[in-house]
Amino acid sequence: MKKQATEWDSATGLDSPEEIAGYLDAALEEGDLRSISMAIGTIARSKGMADIARRTGLSRESLYRALSENGNPTFSTILKVLKALGMRISATPAA
């Protein structure tokens, strides 16, 4: 009997604001723009990209493109998406 593997989507596990914040914090800790934008894209997918597009005033297609592995979102786009997600970036002194 063969078992079929399915691809796991990390967006499915982001249910609470605390889980979302932890996921985003981990990406910010890496300090890599690609990781950060992909994490924000994953979070946006977990909440519904169409809804995030509506809230930001940006097209769904442009959000998918900007927040993809090869995307290059503007800081303005990042801030709009975070606001639509009910998140914000804050600074703390580095240890």
PDB file of N, CA and C in Angstrom:
ATOM      1  N   MET A   1       0.842  -1.181   0.000  1.00  0.00           N
ATOM      2  CA  MET A   1       0.000   0.000   0.000  1.00  0.00           C
ATOM      3  C   MET A   1       0.886   1.242   0.000  1.00  0.00           C
ATOM      4  N   LYS A   2       0.747   2.052  -1.032  1.00  0.00           N
ATOM      5  CA  LYS A   2       1.535   3.276  -1.138  1.00  0.00           C
ATOM      6  C   LYS A   2       0.831   4.415  -0.428  1.00  0.00           C
ATOM      7  N   LYS A   3       1.648   5.238   0.211  1.00  0.00           N
ATOM      8  CA  LYS A   3       1.115   6.452   0.827  1.00  0.00           C
ATOM      9  C   LYS A   3       1.510   7.623  -0.047  1.00  0.00           C
ATOM     10  N   GLN A   4       0.585   8.516  -0.243  1.00  0.00           N
ATOM     11  CA  GLN A   4       0.856   9.672  -1.074  1.00  0.00           C
ATOM     12  C   GLN A   4       1.183  10.867  -0.180  1.00  0.00           C
ATOM     13  N   ALA A   5       2.302  11.491  -0.470  1.00  0.00           N
ATOM     14  CA  ALA A   5       2.703  12.671   0.291  1.00  0.00           C
ATOM     15  C   ALA A   5       1.996  13.894  -0.279  1.00  0.00           C
ATOM     16  N   THR A   6       1.618  14.775   0.595  1.00  0.00           N
ATOM     17  CA  THR A   6       1.036  16.043   0.160  1.00  0.00           C
ATOM     18  C   THR A   6       1.948  17.169   0.623  1.00  0.00           C
ATOM     19  N   GLU A   7       1.946  18.229  -0.148  1.00  0.00           N
ATOM     20  CA  GLU A   7       2.784  19.372   0.192  1.00  0.00           C
ATOM     21  C   GLU A   7       2.153  20.132   1.352  1.00  0.00           C
ATOM     22  N   TRP A   8       2.974  20.431   2.357  1.00  0.00           N
ATOM     23  CA  TRP A   8       2.485  21.149   3.524  1.00  0.00           C
ATOM     24  C   TRP A   8       2.558  22.645   3.254  1.00  0.00           C
ATOM     25  N   ASP A   9       1.512  23.353   3.591  1.00  0.00           N
ATOM     26  CA  ASP A   9       1.454  24.801   3.398  1.00  0.00           C
ATOM     27  C   ASP A   9       1.503  25.459   4.765  1.00  0.00           C
ATOM     28  N   SER A  10       2.572  26.211   5.022  1.00  0.00           N
ATOM     29  CA  SER A  10       2.744  26.833   6.337  1.00  0.00           C
ATOM     30  C   SER A  10       1.659  27.862   6.639  1.00  0.00           C
ATOM     31  N   ALA A  11       0.938  28.317   5.638  1.00  0.00           N
ATOM     32  CA  ALA A  11      -0.134  29.279   5.873  1.00  0.00           C
ATOM     33  C   ALA A  11      -1.283  28.670   6.665  1.00  0.00           C
ATOM     34  N   THR A  12      -1.421  27.355   6.619  1.00  0.00           N
ATOM     35  CA  THR A  12      -2.548  26.714   7.307  1.00  0.00           C
ATOM     36  C   THR A  12      -2.410  26.733   8.823  1.00  0.00           C
ATOM     37  N   GLY A  13      -1.204  26.905   9.350  1.00  0.00           N
ATOM     38  CA  GLY A  13      -1.012  26.867  10.794  1.00  0.00           C
ATOM     39  C   GLY A  13      -1.007  28.218  11.471  1.00  0.00           C
ATOM     40  N   LEU A  14      -1.265  29.264  10.721  1.00  0.00           N
ATOM     41  CA  LEU A  14      -1.196  30.614  11.290  1.00  0.00           C
ATOM     42  C   LEU A  14      -2.597  31.097  11.631  1.00  0.00           C
ATOM     43  N   ASP A  15      -3.078  30.680  12.788  1.00  0.00           N
ATOM     44  CA  ASP A  15      -4.454  30.957  13.165  1.00  0.00           C
ATOM     45  C   ASP A  15      -4.613  32.128  14.124  1.00  0.00           C
ATOM     46  N   SER A  16      -3.655  32.345  14.989  1.00  0.00           N
ATOM     47  CA  SER A  16      -3.817  33.386  16.011  1.00  0.00           C
ATOM     48  C   SER A  16      -2.827  34.531  15.774  1.00  0.00           C
ATOM     49  N   PRO A  17      -3.130  35.701  16.311  1.00  0.00           N
ATOM     50  CA  PRO A  17      -2.190  36.820  16.202  1.00  0.00           C
ATOM     51  C   PRO A  17      -0.821  36.491  16.802  1.00  0.00           C
ATOM     52  N   GLU A  18      -0.798  35.684  17.858  1.00  0.00           N
ATOM     53  CA  GLU A  18       0.469  35.303  18.486  1.00  0.00           C
ATOM     54  C   GLU A  18       1.299  34.409  17.563  1.00  0.00           C
ATOM     55  N   GLU A  19       0.639  33.465  16.888  1.00  0.00           N
ATOM     56  CA  GLU A  19       1.344  32.595  15.949  1.00  0.00           C
ATOM     57  C   GLU A  19       1.883  33.404  14.769  1.00  0.00           C
ATOM     58  N   ILE A  20       1.079  34.327  14.283  1.00  0.00           N
ATOM     59  CA  ILE A  20       1.498  35.183  13.170  1.00  0.00           C
ATOM     60  C   ILE A  20       2.685  36.038  13.584  1.00  0.00           C
ATOM     61  N   ALA A  21       2.606  36.651  14.749  1.00  0.00           N
ATOM     62  CA  ALA A  21       3.709  37.496  15.232  1.00  0.00           C
ATOM     63  C   ALA A  21       4.985  36.680  15.413  1.00  0.00           C
ATOM     64  N   GLY A  22       4.886  35.480  15.941  1.00  0.00           N
ATOM     65  CA  GLY A  22       6.051  34.623  16.114  1.00  0.00           C
ATOM     66  C   GLY A  22       6.665  34.238  14.788  1.00  0.00           C
ATOM     67  N   TYR A  23       5.835  33.924  13.811  1.00  0.00           N
ATOM     68  CA  TYR A  23       6.301  33.566  12.469  1.00  0.00           C
ATOM     69  C   TYR A  23       7.029  34.746  11.827  1.00  0.00           C
ATOM     70  N   LEU A  24       6.435  35.932  11.948  1.00  0.00           N
ATOM     71  CA  LEU A  24       7.057  37.131  11.379  1.00  0.00           C
ATOM     72  C   LEU A  24       8.349  37.482  12.116  1.00  0.00           C
ATOM     73  N   ASP A  25       8.343  37.374  13.435  1.00  0.00           N
ATOM     74  CA  ASP A  25       9.559  37.636  14.216  1.00  0.00           C
ATOM     75  C   ASP A  25      10.709  36.730  13.786  1.00  0.00           C
ATOM     76  N   ALA A  26      10.405  35.463  13.526  1.00  0.00           N
ATOM     77  CA  ALA A  26      11.448  34.525  13.093  1.00  0.00           C
ATOM     78  C   ALA A  26      12.039  34.960  11.760  1.00  0.00           C
ATOM     79  N   ALA A  27      11.199  35.420  10.846  1.00  0.00           N
ATOM     80  CA  ALA A  27      11.688  35.891   9.548  1.00  0.00           C
ATOM     81  C   ALA A  27      12.507  37.174   9.710  1.00  0.00           C
ATOM     82  N   LEU A  28      12.041  38.087  10.564  1.00  0.00           N
ATOM     83  CA  LEU A  28      12.781  39.328  10.808  1.00  0.00           C
ATOM     84  C   LEU A  28      14.132  39.038  11.447  1.00  0.00           C
ATOM     85  N   GLU A  29      14.180  38.037  12.291  1.00  0.00           N
ATOM     86  CA  GLU A  29      15.428  37.657  12.959  1.00  0.00           C
ATOM     87  C   GLU A  29      16.480  37.218  11.946  1.00  0.00           C
ATOM     88  N   GLU A  30      16.027  36.548  10.875  1.00  0.00           N
ATOM     89  CA  GLU A  30      16.960  36.130   9.828  1.00  0.00           C
ATOM     90  C   GLU A  30      17.576  37.341   9.136  1.00  0.00           C
ATOM     91  N   GLY A  31      16.802  38.415   9.024  1.00  0.00           N
ATOM     92  CA  GLY A  31      17.315  39.652   8.453  1.00  0.00           C
ATOM     93  C   GLY A  31      17.436  39.649   6.938  1.00  0.00           C
ATOM     94  N   ASP A  32      16.833  38.674   6.284  1.00  0.00           N
ATOM     95  CA  ASP A  32      16.903  38.554   4.837  1.00  0.00           C
ATOM     96  C   ASP A  32      15.596  39.036   4.228  1.00  0.00           C
ATOM     97  N   LEU A  33      15.662  40.012   3.316  1.00  0.00           N
ATOM     98  CA  LEU A  33      14.453  40.578   2.731  1.00  0.00           C
ATOM     99  C   LEU A  33      13.594  39.511   2.070  1.00  0.00           C
ATOM    100  N   ARG A  34      14.215  38.553   1.401  1.00  0.00           N
ATOM    101  CA  ARG A  34      13.449  37.494   0.737  1.00  0.00           C
ATOM    102  C   ARG A  34      12.652  36.694   1.761  1.00  0.00           C
ATOM    103  N   SER A  35      13.277  36.336   2.873  1.00  0.00           N
ATOM    104  CA  SER A  35      12.584  35.571   3.921  1.00  0.00           C
ATOM    105  C   SER A  35      11.449  36.376   4.532  1.00  0.00           C
ATOM    106  N   ILE A  36      11.692  37.653   4.751  1.00  0.00           N
ATOM    107  CA  ILE A  36      10.669  38.520   5.349  1.00  0.00           C
ATOM    108  C   ILE A  36       9.478  38.672   4.412  1.00  0.00           C
ATOM    109  N   SER A  37       9.740  38.972   3.147  1.00  0.00           N
ATOM    110  CA  SER A  37       8.631  39.168   2.212  1.00  0.00           C
ATOM    111  C   SER A  37       7.863  37.871   1.981  1.00  0.00           C
ATOM    112  N   MET A  38       8.572  36.746   1.932  1.00  0.00           N
ATOM    113  CA  MET A  38       7.878  35.466   1.777  1.00  0.00           C
ATOM    114  C   MET A  38       7.041  35.140   3.011  1.00  0.00           C
ATOM    115  N   ALA A  39       7.554  35.456   4.198  1.00  0.00           N
ATOM    116  CA  ALA A  39       6.781  35.220   5.424  1.00  0.00           C
ATOM    117  C   ALA A  39       5.524  36.079   5.435  1.00  0.00           C
ATOM    118  N   ILE A  40       5.654  37.331   5.034  1.00  0.00           N
ATOM    119  CA  ILE A  40       4.482  38.213   4.974  1.00  0.00           C
ATOM    120  C   ILE A  40       3.494  37.690   3.940  1.00  0.00           C
ATOM    121  N   GLY A  41       4.004  37.177   2.825  1.00  0.00           N
ATOM    122  CA  GLY A  41       3.130  36.572   1.817  1.00  0.00           C
ATOM    123  C   GLY A  41       2.397  35.357   2.353  1.00  0.00           C
ATOM    124  N   THR A  42       3.095  34.536   3.106  1.00  0.00           N
ATOM    125  CA  THR A  42       2.473  33.352   3.710  1.00  0.00           C
ATOM    126  C   THR A  42       1.378  33.765   4.685  1.00  0.00           C
ATOM    127  N   ILE A  43       1.671  34.768   5.491  1.00  0.00           N
ATOM    128  CA  ILE A  43       0.670  35.259   6.446  1.00  0.00           C
ATOM    129  C   ILE A  43      -0.535  35.826   5.701  1.00  0.00           C
ATOM    130  N   ALA A  44      -0.274  36.595   4.641  1.00  0.00           N
ATOM    131  CA  ALA A  44      -1.372  37.176   3.852  1.00  0.00           C
ATOM    132  C   ALA A  44      -2.236  36.073   3.237  1.00  0.00           C
ATOM    133  N   ARG A  45      -1.608  35.003   2.736  1.00  0.00           N
ATOM    134  CA  ARG A  45      -2.377  33.881   2.191  1.00  0.00           C
ATOM    135  C   ARG A  45      -3.224  33.230   3.272  1.00  0.00           C
ATOM    136  N   SER A  46      -2.685  33.170   4.493  1.00  0.00           N
ATOM    137  CA  SER A  46      -3.447  32.539   5.576  1.00  0.00           C
ATOM    138  C   SER A  46      -4.707  33.323   5.905  1.00  0.00           C
ATOM    139  N   LYS A  47      -4.685  34.611   5.640  1.00  0.00           N
ATOM    140  CA  LYS A  47      -5.837  35.467   5.930  1.00  0.00           C
ATOM    141  C   LYS A  47      -6.708  35.718   4.714  1.00  0.00           C
ATOM    142  N   GLY A  48      -6.228  35.314   3.540  1.00  0.00           N
ATOM    143  CA  GLY A  48      -6.979  35.524   2.296  1.00  0.00           C
ATOM    144  C   GLY A  48      -6.385  36.674   1.507  1.00  0.00           C
ATOM    145  N   MET A  49      -5.680  36.345   0.448  1.00  0.00           N
ATOM    146  CA  MET A  49      -4.991  37.372  -0.335  1.00  0.00           C
ATOM    147  C   MET A  49      -5.962  38.373  -0.951  1.00  0.00           C
ATOM    148  N   ALA A  50      -7.143  37.920  -1.349  1.00  0.00           N
ATOM    149  CA  ALA A  50      -8.126  38.837  -1.932  1.00  0.00           C
ATOM    150  C   ALA A  50      -8.550  39.896  -0.911  1.00  0.00           C
ATOM    151  N   ASP A  51      -8.746  39.481   0.330  1.00  0.00           N
ATOM    152  CA  ASP A  51      -9.122  40.426   1.384  1.00  0.00           C
ATOM    153  C   ASP A  51      -7.982  41.406   1.672  1.00  0.00           C
ATOM    154  N   ILE A  52      -6.756  40.901   1.719  1.00  0.00           N
ATOM    155  CA  ILE A  52      -5.607  41.771   1.961  1.00  0.00           C
ATOM    156  C   ILE A  52      -5.452  42.753   0.807  1.00  0.00           C
ATOM    157  N   ALA A  53      -5.654  42.291  -0.419  1.00  0.00           N
ATOM    158  CA  ALA A  53      -5.578  43.179  -1.584  1.00  0.00           C
ATOM    159  C   ALA A  53      -6.611  44.296  -1.464  1.00  0.00           C
ATOM    160  N   ARG A  54      -7.814  43.938  -1.091  1.00  0.00           N
ATOM    161  CA  ARG A  54      -8.878  44.945  -0.940  1.00  0.00           C
ATOM    162  C   ARG A  54      -8.506  45.961   0.129  1.00  0.00           C
ATOM    163  N   ARG A  55      -7.985  45.487   1.247  1.00  0.00           N
ATOM    164  CA  ARG A  55      -7.640  46.383   2.356  1.00  0.00           C
ATOM    165  C   ARG A  55      -6.464  47.305   2.037  1.00  0.00           C
ATOM    166  N   THR A  56      -5.546  46.829   1.203  1.00  0.00           N
ATOM    167  CA  THR A  56      -4.363  47.631   0.873  1.00  0.00           C
ATOM    168  C   THR A  56      -4.567  48.522  -0.344  1.00  0.00           C
ATOM    169  N   GLY A  57      -5.576  48.200  -1.156  1.00  0.00           N
ATOM    170  CA  GLY A  57      -5.776  48.936  -2.400  1.00  0.00           C
ATOM    171  C   GLY A  57      -4.841  48.467  -3.509  1.00  0.00           C
ATOM    172  N   LEU A  58      -4.188  47.335  -3.304  1.00  0.00           N
ATOM    173  CA  LEU A  58      -3.284  46.766  -4.300  1.00  0.00           C
ATOM    174  C   LEU A  58      -3.953  45.551  -4.934  1.00  0.00           C
ATOM    175  N   SER A  59      -3.537  45.206  -6.133  1.00  0.00           N
ATOM    176  CA  SER A  59      -4.144  44.035  -6.775  1.00  0.00           C
ATOM    177  C   SER A  59      -3.611  42.749  -6.151  1.00  0.00           C
ATOM    178  N   ARG A  60      -4.441  41.746  -6.178  1.00  0.00           N
ATOM    179  CA  ARG A  60      -4.066  40.442  -5.644  1.00  0.00           C
ATOM    180  C   ARG A  60      -2.853  39.893  -6.392  1.00  0.00           C
ATOM    181  N   GLU A  61      -2.844  40.058  -7.697  1.00  0.00           N
ATOM    182  CA  GLU A  61      -1.734  39.562  -8.510  1.00  0.00           C
ATOM    183  C   GLU A  61      -0.422  40.252  -8.152  1.00  0.00           C
ATOM    184  N   SER A  62      -0.476  41.580  -7.946  1.00  0.00           N
ATOM    185  CA  SER A  62       0.760  42.299  -7.606  1.00  0.00           C
ATOM    186  C   SER A  62       1.254  41.906  -6.217  1.00  0.00           C
ATOM    187  N   LEU A  63       0.340  41.599  -5.301  1.00  0.00           N
ATOM    188  CA  LEU A  63       0.752  41.146  -3.974  1.00  0.00           C
ATOM    189  C   LEU A  63       1.409  39.776  -4.053  1.00  0.00           C
ATOM    190  N   TYR A  64       0.789  38.855  -4.797  1.00  0.00           N
ATOM    191  CA  TYR A  64       1.412  37.533  -4.964  1.00  0.00           C
ATOM    192  C   TYR A  64       2.812  37.676  -5.550  1.00  0.00           C
ATOM    193  N   ARG A  65       2.955  38.528  -6.560  1.00  0.00           N
ATOM    194  CA  ARG A  65       4.245  38.724  -7.213  1.00  0.00           C
ATOM    195  C   ARG A  65       5.259  39.355  -6.266  1.00  0.00           C
ATOM    196  N   ALA A  66       4.865  40.416  -5.579  1.00  0.00           N
ATOM    197  CA  ALA A  66       5.780  41.141  -4.689  1.00  0.00           C
ATOM    198  C   ALA A  66       6.212  40.298  -3.496  1.00  0.00           C
ATOM    199  N   LEU A  67       5.319  39.456  -2.992  1.00  0.00           N
ATOM    200  CA  LEU A  67       5.600  38.677  -1.787  1.00  0.00           C
ATOM    201  C   LEU A  67       6.017  37.244  -2.089  1.00  0.00           C
ATOM    202  N   SER A  68       6.449  37.009  -3.317  1.00  0.00           N
ATOM    203  CA  SER A  68       6.925  35.687  -3.710  1.00  0.00           C
ATOM    204  C   SER A  68       8.426  35.558  -3.456  1.00  0.00           C
ATOM    205  N   GLU A  69       8.953  34.385  -3.714  1.00  0.00           N
ATOM    206  CA  GLU A  69      10.381  34.131  -3.499  1.00  0.00           C
ATOM    207  C   GLU A  69      11.259  35.076  -4.318  1.00  0.00           C
ATOM    208  N   ASN A  70      10.818  35.425  -5.509  1.00  0.00           N
ATOM    209  CA  ASN A  70      11.601  36.305  -6.374  1.00  0.00           C
ATOM    210  C   ASN A  70      11.085  37.735  -6.383  1.00  0.00           C
ATOM    211  N   GLY A  71      10.136  38.033  -5.516  1.00  0.00           N
ATOM    212  CA  GLY A  71       9.567  39.369  -5.466  1.00  0.00           C
ATOM    213  C   GLY A  71      10.511  40.383  -4.839  1.00  0.00           C
ATOM    214  N   ASN A  72      10.208  41.637  -5.067  1.00  0.00           N
ATOM    215  CA  ASN A  72      10.999  42.725  -4.505  1.00  0.00           C
ATOM    216  C   ASN A  72      10.036  43.833  -4.062  1.00  0.00           C
ATOM    217  N   PRO A  73       9.313  43.598  -2.953  1.00  0.00           N
ATOM    218  CA  PRO A  73       8.293  44.561  -2.542  1.00  0.00           C
ATOM    219  C   PRO A  73       8.911  45.866  -2.045  1.00  0.00           C
ATOM    220  N   THR A  74       8.182  46.941  -2.248  1.00  0.00           N
ATOM    221  CA  THR A  74       8.605  48.213  -1.677  1.00  0.00           C
ATOM    222  C   THR A  74       8.292  48.202  -0.191  1.00  0.00           C
ATOM    223  N   PHE A  75       8.958  49.065   0.545  1.00  0.00           N
ATOM    224  CA  PHE A  75       8.681  49.161   1.975  1.00  0.00           C
ATOM    225  C   PHE A  75       7.243  49.609   2.192  1.00  0.00           C
ATOM    226  N   SER A  76       6.754  50.444   1.312  1.00  0.00           N
ATOM    227  CA  SER A  76       5.373  50.898   1.385  1.00  0.00           C
ATOM    228  C   SER A  76       4.406  49.720   1.286  1.00  0.00           C
ATOM    229  N   THR A  77       4.674  48.792   0.369  1.00  0.00           N
ATOM    230  CA  THR A  77       3.832  47.602   0.228  1.00  0.00           C
ATOM    231  C   THR A  77       3.878  46.758   1.496  1.00  0.00           C
ATOM    232  N   ILE A  78       5.068  46.565   2.032  1.00  0.00           N
ATOM    233  CA  ILE A  78       5.222  45.795   3.273  1.00  0.00           C
ATOM    234  C   ILE A  78       4.388  46.421   4.387  1.00  0.00           C
ATOM    235  N   LEU A  79       4.495  47.728   4.554  1.00  0.00           N
ATOM    236  CA  LEU A  79       3.752  48.409   5.614  1.00  0.00           C
ATOM    237  C   LEU A  79       2.247  48.314   5.409  1.00  0.00           C
ATOM    238  N   LYS A  80       1.780  48.453   4.165  1.00  0.00           N
ATOM    239  CA  LYS A  80       0.352  48.342   3.878  1.00  0.00           C
ATOM    240  C   LYS A  80      -0.171  46.951   4.218  1.00  0.00           C
ATOM    241  N   VAL A  81       0.582  45.934   3.829  1.00  0.00           N
ATOM    242  CA  VAL A  81       0.144  44.563   4.090  1.00  0.00           C
ATOM    243  C   VAL A  81       0.143  44.287   5.592  1.00  0.00           C
ATOM    244  N   LEU A  82       1.194  44.709   6.283  1.00  0.00           N
ATOM    245  CA  LEU A  82       1.233  44.494   7.734  1.00  0.00           C
ATOM    246  C   LEU A  82       0.066  45.188   8.425  1.00  0.00           C
ATOM    247  N   LYS A  83      -0.250  46.402   8.001  1.00  0.00           N
ATOM    248  CA  LYS A  83      -1.383  47.116   8.589  1.00  0.00           C
ATOM    249  C   LYS A  83      -2.691  46.355   8.324  1.00  0.00           C
ATOM    250  N   ALA A  84      -2.854  45.845   7.104  1.00  0.00           N
ATOM    251  CA  ALA A  84      -4.053  45.082   6.761  1.00  0.00           C
ATOM    252  C   ALA A  84      -4.151  43.802   7.577  1.00  0.00           C
ATOM    253  N   LEU A  85      -2.990  43.267   7.971  1.00  0.00           N
ATOM    254  CA  LEU A  85      -2.962  42.056   8.786  1.00  0.00           C
ATOM    255  C   LEU A  85      -3.113  42.343  10.277  1.00  0.00           C
ATOM    256  N   GLY A  86      -3.128  43.625  10.646  1.00  0.00           N
ATOM    257  CA  GLY A  86      -3.207  43.978  12.060  1.00  0.00           C
ATOM    258  C   GLY A  86      -1.887  43.822  12.765  1.00  0.00           C
ATOM    259  N   MET A  87      -0.785  43.897  12.020  1.00  0.00           N
ATOM    260  CA  MET A  87       0.560  43.756  12.569  1.00  0.00           C
ATOM    261  C   MET A  87       1.316  45.060  12.386  1.00  0.00           C
ATOM    262  N   ARG A  88       2.381  45.204  13.153  1.00  0.00           N
ATOM    263  CA  ARG A  88       3.278  46.340  12.982  1.00  0.00           C
ATOM    264  C   ARG A  88       4.687  45.891  13.319  1.00  0.00           C
ATOM    265  N   ILE A  89       5.639  46.624  12.803  1.00  0.00           N
ATOM    266  CA  ILE A  89       7.039  46.344  13.087  1.00  0.00           C
ATOM    267  C   ILE A  89       7.464  47.241  14.243  1.00  0.00           C
ATOM    268  N   SER A  90       8.197  46.687  15.169  1.00  0.00           N
ATOM    269  CA  SER A  90       8.730  47.513  16.264  1.00  0.00           C
ATOM    270  C   SER A  90      10.214  47.198  16.409  1.00  0.00           C
ATOM    271  N   ALA A  91      10.937  48.122  16.977  1.00  0.00           N
ATOM    272  CA  ALA A  91      12.378  47.960  17.143  1.00  0.00           C
ATOM    273  C   ALA A  91      12.719  47.692  18.599  1.00  0.00           C
ATOM    274  N   THR A  92      13.684  46.819  18.801  1.00  0.00           N
ATOM    275  CA  THR A  92      14.221  46.554  20.126  1.00  0.00           C
ATOM    276  C   THR A  92      15.736  46.551  20.014  1.00  0.00           C
ATOM    277  N   PRO A  93      16.440  46.917  21.067  1.00  0.00           N
ATOM    278  CA  PRO A  93      17.891  46.891  20.995  1.00  0.00           C
ATOM    279  C   PRO A  93      18.405  45.478  20.729  1.00  0.00           C
ATOM    280  N   ALA A  94      19.417  45.395  19.891  1.00  0.00           N
ATOM    281  CA  ALA A  94      20.023  44.095  19.602  1.00  0.00           C
ATOM    282  C   ALA A  94      20.802  43.624  20.827  1.00  0.00           C
ATOM    283  N   ALA A  95      20.756  42.356  21.074  1.00  0.00           N
ATOM    284  CA  ALA A  95      21.444  41.797  22.246  1.00  0.00           C
ATOM    285  C   ALA A  95      22.922  41.642  21.977  1.00  0.00           C
TER     286      ALA A  95
END
